[in-house]
Protein backbone atom coordinates (compact mmCIF):
# COMPACT_ATOMS: atom_id res chain seq x y z
CA MET A 1 21.24 -1.90 6.30
CA LEU A 2 17.93 -0.79 4.80
CA ALA A 3 19.78 0.88 1.92
CA ARG A 4 21.72 -2.36 1.34
CA ASN A 5 18.49 -4.38 1.39
CA ARG A 6 16.96 -2.01 -1.16
CA ASP A 7 19.99 -2.42 -3.40
CA LEU A 8 19.77 -6.19 -3.21
CA PHE A 9 16.08 -6.09 -3.87
CA GLU A 10 16.54 -3.86 -6.94
CA ARG A 11 19.10 -6.33 -8.29
CA ALA A 12 16.66 -9.19 -7.79
CA ARG A 13 13.78 -7.24 -9.35
CA ALA A 14 15.97 -6.54 -12.42
CA VAL A 15 16.06 -10.28 -13.14
CA GLY A 16 12.37 -10.92 -12.36
CA GLY A 17 12.41 -11.24 -8.60
CA THR A 18 9.60 -10.05 -6.32
CA ARG A 19 9.37 -9.28 -2.62
CA TYR A 20 7.62 -11.28 0.08
CA PRO A 21 4.91 -8.88 1.35
CA MET A 22 6.35 -8.64 4.86
CA GLY A 23 9.95 -7.65 4.49
CA SER A 24 12.43 -5.08 5.69
CA THR A 25 12.74 -3.21 2.39
CA PRO A 26 10.47 -0.15 2.49
CA PHE A 27 8.06 -0.09 -0.44
CA SER A 28 6.25 2.87 -2.00
CA HIS A 29 2.82 2.65 -3.62
CA GLU A 30 4.53 2.53 -7.04
CA ASP A 31 6.75 -0.32 -5.83
CA TRP A 32 3.63 -2.29 -4.97
CA ARG A 33 2.11 -1.60 -8.40
CA ARG A 34 5.25 -2.91 -10.05
CA GLN A 35 5.31 -5.91 -7.70
CA TYR A 36 1.83 -7.02 -8.79
CA GLY A 37 2.34 -6.07 -12.44
CA SER A 38 -0.52 -7.04 -14.74
CA PHE A 39 -2.47 -8.46 -11.76
CA TRP A 40 -2.68 -4.94 -10.20
CA PRO A 41 -6.04 -3.87 -11.71
CA LYS A 42 -7.70 -7.10 -10.51
CA LEU A 43 -6.20 -6.70 -7.05
CA ARG A 44 -7.35 -3.08 -6.88
CA ARG A 45 -10.94 -4.05 -7.82
CA ALA A 46 -10.94 -6.79 -5.18
CA LYS A 47 -9.70 -4.35 -2.54
CA GLU A 48 -12.43 -1.82 -3.48
CA ARG A 49 -15.09 -4.52 -3.35
CA TYR A 50 -14.10 -6.36 -0.18
CA ASP A 51 -12.48 -3.55 1.83
CA PRO A 52 -14.18 -0.32 0.77
CA GLU A 53 -13.24 1.36 4.06
CA GLY A 54 -9.57 0.53 3.64
CA ILE A 55 -9.19 -0.98 7.13
CA LEU A 56 -7.40 -4.22 6.22
CA THR A 57 -3.55 -4.21 6.37
CA PRO A 58 -2.92 -0.48 6.08
CA GLY A 59 0.67 -0.86 7.32
CA PRO A 60 2.43 -1.97 4.12
CA GLY A 61 0.94 0.97 2.18
CA ILE A 62 -0.17 -1.14 -0.74
CA PHE A 63 -3.32 0.93 -1.07
CA PRO A 64 -2.72 4.34 0.43
CA ARG A 65 -5.67 6.07 1.94
CA ASP A 66 -6.64 9.17 -0.05
């Protein structure tokens, strides 16, 4: 089912769709970058400023810990 969900998501993304942050389709760090598009640098700066320890919402893997 996860493979099917991923296929459906990729079809939606191809026509401009995005994913609700809490979903059943596994996302890589690159998927998250694509999800946020041109807003990514601003989001990254906000994360660095307001969560420098990387403790908020580590589960989705939006900002992997180095």
